[in-house]
Amino acid sequence: MSNSIGNLNEQKTIRLQEVCEPQGKDEDPYLTVKYDQMHHSSDIIDHFDAFENSEVRIAGRVMNKRSMGKSAFYNVLDQKGSWENEKLILSN
């Protein structure tokens, strides 16, 4: 029991050091970045033809990536649903 507690404390110490290290270099690991979201996944699915040949910007979490040769398919989950796309440009 005490050995597992020692390992837990060691893990906490390592994680705390990893978070504090960038802060010491004036880098914020929790920096909030503004991203101008234009649409939601449900908007794209419901009005797909209207968005043809236009820029669409969604914000969400990449839940799955499937690589098929030179192509890759991404499944993105946002507030209103999920959407799969082959041509996805990731932005920080």
PDB file of N, CA and C in Angstrom:
ATOM      1  N   MET A   1       0.823  -1.196   0.000  1.00  0.00           N
ATOM      2  CA  MET A   1       0.000   0.000   0.000  1.00  0.00           C
ATOM      3  C   MET A   1       0.867   1.260   0.000  1.00  0.00           C
ATOM      4  N   SER A   2       1.863   1.303   0.867  1.00  0.00           N
ATOM      5  CA  SER A   2       2.710   2.501   0.935  1.00  0.00           C
ATOM      6  C   SER A   2       3.522   2.685  -0.337  1.00  0.00           C
ATOM      7  N   ASN A   3       3.863   1.595  -1.022  1.00  0.00           N
ATOM      8  CA  ASN A   3       4.607   1.692  -2.277  1.00  0.00           C
ATOM      9  C   ASN A   3       3.766   2.372  -3.357  1.00  0.00           C
ATOM     10  N   SER A   4       2.473   2.038  -3.430  1.00  0.00           N
ATOM     11  CA  SER A   4       1.599   2.668  -4.425  1.00  0.00           C
ATOM     12  C   SER A   4       1.387   4.143  -4.109  1.00  0.00           C
ATOM     13  N   ILE A   5       1.334   4.495  -2.839  1.00  0.00           N
ATOM     14  CA  ILE A   5       1.209   5.904  -2.448  1.00  0.00           C
ATOM     15  C   ILE A   5       2.479   6.657  -2.830  1.00  0.00           C
ATOM     16  N   GLY A   6       3.624   6.016  -2.639  1.00  0.00           N
ATOM     17  CA  GLY A   6       4.884   6.642  -3.036  1.00  0.00           C
ATOM     18  C   GLY A   6       4.931   6.881  -4.536  1.00  0.00           C
ATOM     19  N   ASN A   7       4.448   5.906  -5.332  1.00  0.00           N
ATOM     20  CA  ASN A   7       4.407   6.076  -6.787  1.00  0.00           C
ATOM     21  C   ASN A   7       3.444   7.190  -7.182  1.00  0.00           C
ATOM     22  N   LEU A   8       2.313   7.280  -6.483  1.00  0.00           N
ATOM     23  CA  LEU A   8       1.338   8.320  -6.763  1.00  0.00           C
ATOM     24  C   LEU A   8       1.923   9.697  -6.478  1.00  0.00           C
ATOM     25  N   ASN A   9       2.602   9.834  -5.352  1.00  0.00           N
ATOM     26  CA  ASN A   9       3.232  11.115  -5.023  1.00  0.00           C
ATOM     27  C   ASN A   9       4.313  11.469  -6.030  1.00  0.00           C
ATOM     28  N   GLU A  10       5.058  10.472  -6.495  1.00  0.00           N
ATOM     29  CA  GLU A  10       6.094  10.712  -7.504  1.00  0.00           C
ATOM     30  C   GLU A  10       5.464  11.179  -8.822  1.00  0.00           C
ATOM     31  N   GLN A  11       4.349  10.569  -9.214  1.00  0.00           N
ATOM     32  CA  GLN A  11       3.663  10.980 -10.439  1.00  0.00           C
ATOM     33  C   GLN A  11       3.144  12.407 -10.327  1.00  0.00           C
ATOM     34  N   LYS A  12       2.590  12.747  -9.162  1.00  0.00           N
ATOM     35  CA  LYS A  12       2.094  14.109  -8.955  1.00  0.00           C
ATOM     36  C   LYS A  12       3.230  15.118  -9.041  1.00  0.00           C
ATOM     37  N   THR A  13       4.365  14.775  -8.449  1.00  0.00           N
ATOM     38  CA  THR A  13       5.526  15.664  -8.481  1.00  0.00           C
ATOM     39  C   THR A  13       6.005  15.878  -9.909  1.00  0.00           C
ATOM     40  N   ILE A  14       6.075  14.805 -10.690  1.00  0.00           N
ATOM     41  CA  ILE A  14       6.521  14.913 -12.081  1.00  0.00           C
ATOM     42  C   ILE A  14       5.552  15.768 -12.884  1.00  0.00           C
ATOM     43  N   ARG A  15       4.256  15.543 -12.727  1.00  0.00           N
ATOM     44  CA  ARG A  15       3.259  16.320 -13.468  1.00  0.00           C
ATOM     45  C   ARG A  15       3.296  17.789 -13.080  1.00  0.00           C
ATOM     46  N   LEU A  16       3.482  18.065 -11.807  1.00  0.00           N
ATOM     47  CA  LEU A  16       3.565  19.448 -11.349  1.00  0.00           C
ATOM     48  C   LEU A  16       4.788  20.136 -11.941  1.00  0.00           C
ATOM     49  N   GLN A  17       5.903  19.430 -12.017  1.00  0.00           N
ATOM     50  CA  GLN A  17       7.109  19.991 -12.617  1.00  0.00           C
ATOM     51  C   GLN A  17       6.891  20.276 -14.102  1.00  0.00           C
ATOM     52  N   GLU A  18       6.191  19.369 -14.799  1.00  0.00           N
ATOM     53  CA  GLU A  18       5.941  19.559 -16.222  1.00  0.00           C
ATOM     54  C   GLU A  18       5.054  20.770 -16.485  1.00  0.00           C
ATOM     55  N   VAL A  19       4.136  21.068 -15.574  1.00  0.00           N
ATOM     56  CA  VAL A  19       3.274  22.233 -15.725  1.00  0.00           C
ATOM     57  C   VAL A  19       4.028  23.505 -15.353  1.00  0.00           C
ATOM     58  N   CYS A  20       4.832  23.456 -14.308  1.00  0.00           N
ATOM     59  CA  CYS A  20       5.536  24.654 -13.832  1.00  0.00           C
ATOM     60  C   CYS A  20       6.705  25.047 -14.729  1.00  0.00           C
ATOM     61  N   GLU A  21       7.302  24.101 -15.416  1.00  0.00           N
ATOM     62  CA  GLU A  21       8.471  24.397 -16.252  1.00  0.00           C
ATOM     63  C   GLU A  21       8.169  25.439 -17.335  1.00  0.00           C
ATOM     64  N   PRO A  22       7.106  25.290 -18.138  1.00  0.00           N
ATOM     65  CA  PRO A  22       6.811  26.330 -19.137  1.00  0.00           C
ATOM     66  C   PRO A  22       6.447  27.659 -18.500  1.00  0.00           C
ATOM     67  N   GLN A  23       5.810  27.643 -17.323  1.00  0.00           N
ATOM     68  CA  GLN A  23       5.446  28.891 -16.670  1.00  0.00           C
ATOM     69  C   GLN A  23       6.686  29.663 -16.245  1.00  0.00           C
ATOM     70  N   GLY A  24       7.753  28.974 -15.907  1.00  0.00           N
ATOM     71  CA  GLY A  24       9.005  29.625 -15.554  1.00  0.00           C
ATOM     72  C   GLY A  24       9.667  30.289 -16.754  1.00  0.00           C
ATOM     73  N   LYS A  25       9.307  29.833 -17.953  1.00  0.00           N
ATOM     74  CA  LYS A  25       9.838  30.407 -19.197  1.00  0.00           C
ATOM     75  C   LYS A  25       8.862  31.416 -19.798  1.00  0.00           C
ATOM     76  N   ASP A  26       7.933  31.922 -18.986  1.00  0.00           N
ATOM     77  CA  ASP A  26       6.899  32.861 -19.424  1.00  0.00           C
ATOM     78  C   ASP A  26       6.008  32.283 -20.521  1.00  0.00           C
ATOM     79  N   GLU A  27       5.782  30.977 -20.498  1.00  0.00           N
ATOM     80  CA  GLU A  27       4.844  30.325 -21.399  1.00  0.00           C
ATOM     81  C   GLU A  27       3.688  29.812 -20.554  1.00  0.00           C
ATOM     82  N   ASP A  28       2.476  30.041 -20.995  1.00  0.00           N
ATOM     83  CA  ASP A  28       1.305  29.599 -20.242  1.00  0.00           C
ATOM     84  C   ASP A  28       0.753  28.320 -20.867  1.00  0.00           C
ATOM     85  N   PRO A  29       0.837  27.178 -20.172  1.00  0.00           N
ATOM     86  CA  PRO A  29       0.323  25.931 -20.743  1.00  0.00           C
ATOM     87  C   PRO A  29      -1.196  25.909 -20.840  1.00  0.00           C
ATOM     88  N   TYR A  30      -1.866  26.813 -20.175  1.00  0.00           N
ATOM     89  CA  TYR A  30      -3.324  26.873 -20.191  1.00  0.00           C
ATOM     90  C   TYR A  30      -3.819  28.109 -20.933  1.00  0.00           C
ATOM     91  N   LEU A  31      -3.044  28.587 -21.865  1.00  0.00           N
ATOM     92  CA  LEU A  31      -3.382  29.784 -22.621  1.00  0.00           C
ATOM     93  C   LEU A  31      -4.683  29.573 -23.387  1.00  0.00           C
ATOM     94  N   THR A  32      -5.602  30.498 -23.261  1.00  0.00           N
ATOM     95  CA  THR A  32      -6.859  30.445 -23.993  1.00  0.00           C
ATOM     96  C   THR A  32      -6.666  31.177 -25.302  1.00  0.00           C
ATOM     97  N   VAL A  33      -6.944  30.471 -26.383  1.00  0.00           N
ATOM     98  CA  VAL A  33      -6.774  31.039 -27.710  1.00  0.00           C
ATOM     99  C   VAL A  33      -8.150  31.278 -28.312  1.00  0.00           C
ATOM    100  N   LYS A  34      -8.366  32.445 -28.878  1.00  0.00           N
ATOM    101  CA  LYS A  34      -9.648  32.778 -29.497  1.00  0.00           C
ATOM    102  C   LYS A  34      -9.706  32.153 -30.883  1.00  0.00           C
ATOM    103  N   TYR A  35     -10.777  31.437 -31.155  1.00  0.00           N
ATOM    104  CA  TYR A  35     -10.989  30.823 -32.463  1.00  0.00           C
ATOM    105  C   TYR A  35     -12.369  31.222 -32.948  1.00  0.00           C
ATOM    106  N   ASP A  36     -12.449  31.810 -34.112  1.00  0.00           N
ATOM    107  CA  ASP A  36     -13.717  32.276 -34.656  1.00  0.00           C
ATOM    108  C   ASP A  36     -14.440  31.131 -35.346  1.00  0.00           C
ATOM    109  N   GLN A  37     -15.335  30.502 -34.606  1.00  0.00           N
ATOM    110  CA  GLN A  37     -16.131  29.403 -35.135  1.00  0.00           C
ATOM    111  C   GLN A  37     -17.266  29.988 -35.959  1.00  0.00           C
ATOM    112  N   MET A  38     -17.431  29.487 -37.182  1.00  0.00           N
ATOM    113  CA  MET A  38     -18.470  30.005 -38.065  1.00  0.00           C
ATOM    114  C   MET A  38     -19.724  29.129 -38.061  1.00  0.00           C
ATOM    115  N   HIS A  39     -19.557  27.817 -37.888  1.00  0.00           N
ATOM    116  CA  HIS A  39     -20.669  26.890 -38.018  1.00  0.00           C
ATOM    117  C   HIS A  39     -20.534  25.748 -37.015  1.00  0.00           C
ATOM    118  N   HIS A  40     -21.576  24.960 -36.918  1.00  0.00           N
ATOM    119  CA  HIS A  40     -21.566  23.723 -36.145  1.00  0.00           C
ATOM    120  C   HIS A  40     -21.723  22.558 -37.109  1.00  0.00           C
ATOM    121  N   SER A  41     -21.394  21.360 -36.650  1.00  0.00           N
ATOM    122  CA  SER A  41     -21.468  20.179 -37.506  1.00  0.00           C
ATOM    123  C   SER A  41     -22.889  19.968 -38.040  1.00  0.00           C
ATOM    124  N   SER A  42     -23.892  20.215 -37.213  1.00  0.00           N
ATOM    125  CA  SER A  42     -25.273  20.017 -37.666  1.00  0.00           C
ATOM    126  C   SER A  42     -25.642  20.988 -38.785  1.00  0.00           C
ATOM    127  N   ASP A  43     -25.096  22.223 -38.761  1.00  0.00           N
ATOM    128  CA  ASP A  43     -25.335  23.185 -39.845  1.00  0.00           C
ATOM    129  C   ASP A  43     -24.793  22.647 -41.167  1.00  0.00           C
ATOM    130  N   ILE A  44     -23.619  22.080 -41.115  1.00  0.00           N
ATOM    131  CA  ILE A  44     -22.973  21.558 -42.326  1.00  0.00           C
ATOM    132  C   ILE A  44     -23.756  20.373 -42.872  1.00  0.00           C
ATOM    133  N   ILE A  45     -24.166  19.484 -41.998  1.00  0.00           N
ATOM    134  CA  ILE A  45     -24.900  18.297 -42.441  1.00  0.00           C
ATOM    135  C   ILE A  45     -26.268  18.690 -43.013  1.00  0.00           C
ATOM    136  N   ASP A  46     -26.966  19.609 -42.352  1.00  0.00           N
ATOM    137  CA  ASP A  46     -28.307  19.999 -42.790  1.00  0.00           C
ATOM    138  C   ASP A  46     -28.303  20.815 -44.078  1.00  0.00           C
ATOM    139  N   HIS A  47     -27.263  21.612 -44.295  1.00  0.00           N
ATOM    140  CA  HIS A  47     -27.216  22.511 -45.461  1.00  0.00           C
ATOM    141  C   HIS A  47     -25.938  22.280 -46.272  1.00  0.00           C
ATOM    142  N   PHE A  48     -25.619  21.031 -46.517  1.00  0.00           N
ATOM    143  CA  PHE A  48     -24.349  20.674 -47.144  1.00  0.00           C
ATOM    144  C   PHE A  48     -24.163  21.342 -48.507  1.00  0.00           C
ATOM    145  N   ASP A  49     -25.194  21.334 -49.352  1.00  0.00           N
ATOM    146  CA  ASP A  49     -25.079  21.914 -50.701  1.00  0.00           C
ATOM    147  C   ASP A  49     -24.809  23.417 -50.664  1.00  0.00           C
ATOM    148  N   ALA A  50     -25.331  24.095 -49.664  1.00  0.00           N
ATOM    149  CA  ALA A  50     -25.134  25.547 -49.558  1.00  0.00           C
ATOM    150  C   ALA A  50     -23.681  25.904 -49.240  1.00  0.00           C
ATOM    151  N   PHE A  51     -22.941  24.985 -48.640  1.00  0.00           N
ATOM    152  CA  PHE A  51     -21.562  25.263 -48.256  1.00  0.00           C
ATOM    153  C   PHE A  51     -20.537  24.827 -49.312  1.00  0.00           C
ATOM    154  N   GLU A  52     -20.992  24.313 -50.433  1.00  0.00           N
ATOM    155  CA  GLU A  52     -20.066  23.834 -51.460  1.00  0.00           C
ATOM    156  C   GLU A  52     -19.204  24.984 -51.966  1.00  0.00           C
ATOM    157  N   ASN A  53     -17.905  24.736 -52.074  1.00  0.00           N
ATOM    158  CA  ASN A  53     -16.902  25.710 -52.529  1.00  0.00           C
ATOM    159  C   ASN A  53     -16.810  26.932 -51.625  1.00  0.00           C
ATOM    160  N   SER A  54     -17.087  26.788 -50.335  1.00  0.00           N
ATOM    161  CA  SER A  54     -16.928  27.897 -49.403  1.00  0.00           C
ATOM    162  C   SER A  54     -16.176  27.415 -48.166  1.00  0.00           C
ATOM    163  N   GLU A  55     -15.610  28.361 -47.449  1.00  0.00           N
ATOM    164  CA  GLU A  55     -14.865  28.038 -46.235  1.00  0.00           C
ATOM    165  C   GLU A  55     -15.830  27.775 -45.088  1.00  0.00           C
ATOM    166  N   VAL A  56     -15.565  26.713 -44.361  1.00  0.00           N
ATOM    167  CA  VAL A  56     -16.363  26.359 -43.195  1.00  0.00           C
ATOM    168  C   VAL A  56     -15.407  26.182 -42.032  1.00  0.00           C
ATOM    169  N   ARG A  57     -15.728  26.812 -40.898  1.00  0.00           N
ATOM    170  CA  ARG A  57     -14.873  26.700 -39.718  1.00  0.00           C
ATOM    171  C   ARG A  57     -15.692  26.178 -38.556  1.00  0.00           C
ATOM    172  N   ILE A  58     -15.286  25.016 -38.042  1.00  0.00           N
ATOM    173  CA  ILE A  58     -15.939  24.465 -36.862  1.00  0.00           C
ATOM    174  C   ILE A  58     -14.883  24.293 -35.771  1.00  0.00           C
ATOM    175  N   ALA A  59     -15.345  24.286 -34.555  1.00  0.00           N
ATOM    176  CA  ALA A  59     -14.456  24.054 -33.424  1.00  0.00           C
ATOM    177  C   ALA A  59     -14.945  22.812 -32.704  1.00  0.00           C
ATOM    178  N   GLY A  60     -14.041  21.909 -32.417  1.00  0.00           N
ATOM    179  CA  GLY A  60     -14.426  20.694 -31.727  1.00  0.00           C
ATOM    180  C   GLY A  60     -13.213  19.844 -31.423  1.00  0.00           C
ATOM    181  N   ARG A  61     -13.488  18.646 -31.008  1.00  0.00           N
ATOM    182  CA  ARG A  61     -12.432  17.706 -30.643  1.00  0.00           C
ATOM    183  C   ARG A  61     -12.336  16.621 -31.702  1.00  0.00           C
ATOM    184  N   VAL A  62     -11.109  16.346 -32.165  1.00  0.00           N
ATOM    185  CA  VAL A  62     -10.884  15.252 -33.097  1.00  0.00           C
ATOM    186  C   VAL A  62     -11.009  13.956 -32.309  1.00  0.00           C
ATOM    187  N   MET A  63     -12.046  13.180 -32.621  1.00  0.00           N
ATOM    188  CA  MET A  63     -12.324  11.956 -31.879  1.00  0.00           C
ATOM    189  C   MET A  63     -11.693  10.729 -32.533  1.00  0.00           C
ATOM    190  N   ASN A  64     -11.510  10.789 -33.846  1.00  0.00           N
ATOM    191  CA  ASN A  64     -11.016   9.620 -34.558  1.00  0.00           C
ATOM    192  C   ASN A  64     -10.324  10.058 -35.837  1.00  0.00           C
ATOM    193  N   LYS A  65      -9.266   9.367 -36.186  1.00  0.00           N
ATOM    194  CA  LYS A  65      -8.565   9.617 -37.443  1.00  0.00           C
ATOM    195  C   LYS A  65      -8.322   8.267 -38.106  1.00  0.00           C
ATOM    196  N   ARG A  66      -8.745   8.163 -39.367  1.00  0.00           N
ATOM    197  CA  ARG A  66      -8.509   6.936 -40.132  1.00  0.00           C
ATOM    198  C   ARG A  66      -7.653   7.293 -41.336  1.00  0.00           C
ATOM    199  N   SER A  67      -6.497   6.684 -41.428  1.00  0.00           N
ATOM    200  CA  SER A  67      -5.605   6.907 -42.572  1.00  0.00           C
ATOM    201  C   SER A  67      -5.844   5.826 -43.611  1.00  0.00           C
ATOM    202  N   MET A  68      -6.026   6.262 -44.855  1.00  0.00           N
ATOM    203  CA  MET A  68      -6.250   5.349 -45.977  1.00  0.00           C
ATOM    204  C   MET A  68      -5.301   5.748 -47.101  1.00  0.00           C
ATOM    205  N   GLY A  69      -4.076   5.249 -47.052  1.00  0.00           N
ATOM    206  CA  GLY A  69      -3.101   5.627 -48.074  1.00  0.00           C
ATOM    207  C   GLY A  69      -2.724   7.086 -47.945  1.00  0.00           C
ATOM    208  N   LYS A  70      -2.986   7.858 -49.009  1.00  0.00           N
ATOM    209  CA  LYS A  70      -2.654   9.282 -48.987  1.00  0.00           C
ATOM    210  C   LYS A  70      -3.757  10.127 -48.365  1.00  0.00           C
ATOM    211  N   SER A  71      -4.911   9.544 -48.104  1.00  0.00           N
ATOM    212  CA  SER A  71      -6.034  10.270 -47.513  1.00  0.00           C
ATOM    213  C   SER A  71      -6.151   9.967 -46.024  1.00  0.00           C
ATOM    214  N   ALA A  72      -6.711  10.907 -45.308  1.00  0.00           N
ATOM    215  CA  ALA A  72      -7.002  10.704 -43.885  1.00  0.00           C
ATOM    216  C   ALA A  72      -8.384  11.274 -43.612  1.00  0.00           C
ATOM    217  N   PHE A  73      -9.179  10.550 -42.849  1.00  0.00           N
ATOM    218  CA  PHE A  73     -10.527  10.968 -42.503  1.00  0.00           C
ATOM    219  C   PHE A  73     -10.577  11.281 -41.014  1.00  0.00           C
ATOM    220  N   TYR A  74     -11.132  12.449 -40.678  1.00  0.00           N
ATOM    221  CA  TYR A  74     -11.210  12.894 -39.296  1.00  0.00           C
ATOM    222  C   TYR A  74     -12.665  12.954 -38.861  1.00  0.00           C
ATOM    223  N   ASN A  75     -12.943  12.472 -37.668  1.00  0.00           N
ATOM    224  CA  ASN A  75     -14.262  12.581 -37.075  1.00  0.00           C
ATOM    225  C   ASN A  75     -14.162  13.640 -35.976  1.00  0.00           C
ATOM    226  N   VAL A  76     -14.897  14.740 -36.160  1.00  0.00           N
ATOM    227  CA  VAL A  76     -14.834  15.876 -35.239  1.00  0.00           C
ATOM    228  C   VAL A  76     -16.148  15.969 -34.467  1.00  0.00           C
ATOM    229  N   LEU A  77     -16.048  16.072 -33.162  1.00  0.00           N
ATOM    230  CA  LEU A  77     -17.213  16.202 -32.288  1.00  0.00           C
ATOM    231  C   LEU A  77     -17.279  17.634 -31.776  1.00  0.00           C
ATOM    232  N   ASP A  78     -18.431  18.293 -31.994  1.00  0.00           N
ATOM    233  CA  ASP A  78     -18.617  19.639 -31.456  1.00  0.00           C
ATOM    234  C   ASP A  78     -19.874  19.680 -30.596  1.00  0.00           C
ATOM    235  N   GLN A  79     -20.354  20.873 -30.264  1.00  0.00           N
ATOM    236  CA  GLN A  79     -21.484  21.029 -29.344  1.00  0.00           C
ATOM    237  C   GLN A  79     -22.780  20.425 -29.877  1.00  0.00           C
ATOM    238  N   LYS A  80     -22.927  20.361 -31.194  1.00  0.00           N
ATOM    239  CA  LYS A  80     -24.205  19.938 -31.764  1.00  0.00           C
ATOM    240  C   LYS A  80     -24.136  18.608 -32.504  1.00  0.00           C
ATOM    241  N   GLY A  81     -23.038  17.902 -32.417  1.00  0.00           N
ATOM    242  CA  GLY A  81     -22.976  16.601 -33.074  1.00  0.00           C
ATOM    243  C   GLY A  81     -21.579  16.239 -33.539  1.00  0.00           C
ATOM    244  N   SER A  82     -21.540  15.318 -34.488  1.00  0.00           N
ATOM    245  CA  SER A  82     -20.276  14.794 -34.997  1.00  0.00           C
ATOM    246  C   SER A  82     -20.258  14.920 -36.509  1.00  0.00           C
ATOM    247  N   TRP A  83     -19.064  15.091 -37.057  1.00  0.00           N
ATOM    248  CA  TRP A  83     -18.923  15.292 -38.489  1.00  0.00           C
ATOM    249  C   TRP A  83     -17.637  14.640 -38.947  1.00  0.00           C
ATOM    250  N   GLU A  84     -17.682  13.946 -40.101  1.00  0.00           N
ATOM    251  CA  GLU A  84     -16.488  13.315 -40.650  1.00  0.00           C
ATOM    252  C   GLU A  84     -16.094  14.015 -41.938  1.00  0.00           C
ATOM    253  N   ASN A  85     -14.801  14.268 -42.088  1.00  0.00           N
ATOM    254  CA  ASN A  85     -14.318  14.982 -43.255  1.00  0.00           C
ATOM    255  C   ASN A  85     -12.938  14.471 -43.634  1.00  0.00           C
ATOM    256  N   GLU A  86     -12.669  14.494 -44.930  1.00  0.00           N
ATOM    257  CA  GLU A  86     -11.356  14.081 -45.399  1.00  0.00           C
ATOM    258  C   GLU A  86     -10.388  15.253 -45.390  1.00  0.00           C
ATOM    259  N   LYS A  87     -10.826  16.430 -45.763  1.00  0.00           N
ATOM    260  CA  LYS A  87      -9.950  17.591 -45.868  1.00  0.00           C
ATOM    261  C   LYS A  87     -10.124  18.464 -44.630  1.00  0.00           C
ATOM    262  N   LEU A  88      -9.303  18.236 -43.657  1.00  0.00           N
ATOM    263  CA  LEU A  88      -9.393  18.953 -42.397  1.00  0.00           C
ATOM    264  C   LEU A  88      -8.088  19.671 -42.147  1.00  0.00           C
ATOM    265  N   ILE A  89      -8.161  20.951 -41.885  1.00  0.00           N
ATOM    266  CA  ILE A  89      -6.978  21.734 -41.547  1.00  0.00           C
ATOM    267  C   ILE A  89      -7.032  22.007 -40.055  1.00  0.00           C
ATOM    268  N   LEU A  90      -6.064  21.488 -39.327  1.00  0.00           N
ATOM    269  CA  LEU A  90      -6.043  21.654 -37.878  1.00  0.00           C
ATOM    270  C   LEU A  90      -5.384  22.984 -37.529  1.00  0.00           C
ATOM    271  N   SER A  91      -5.963  23.670 -36.574  1.00  0.00           N
ATOM    272  CA  SER A  91      -5.442  24.960 -36.144  1.00  0.00           C
ATOM    273  C   SER A  91      -5.257  24.923 -34.644  1.00  0.00           C
ATOM    274  N   ASN A  92      -4.185  25.552 -34.119  1.00  0.00           N
ATOM    275  CA  ASN A  92      -4.003  25.592 -32.668  1.00  0.00           C
ATOM    276  C   ASN A  92      -4.790  26.718 -32.104  1.00  0.00           C
TER     277      ASN A  92
END
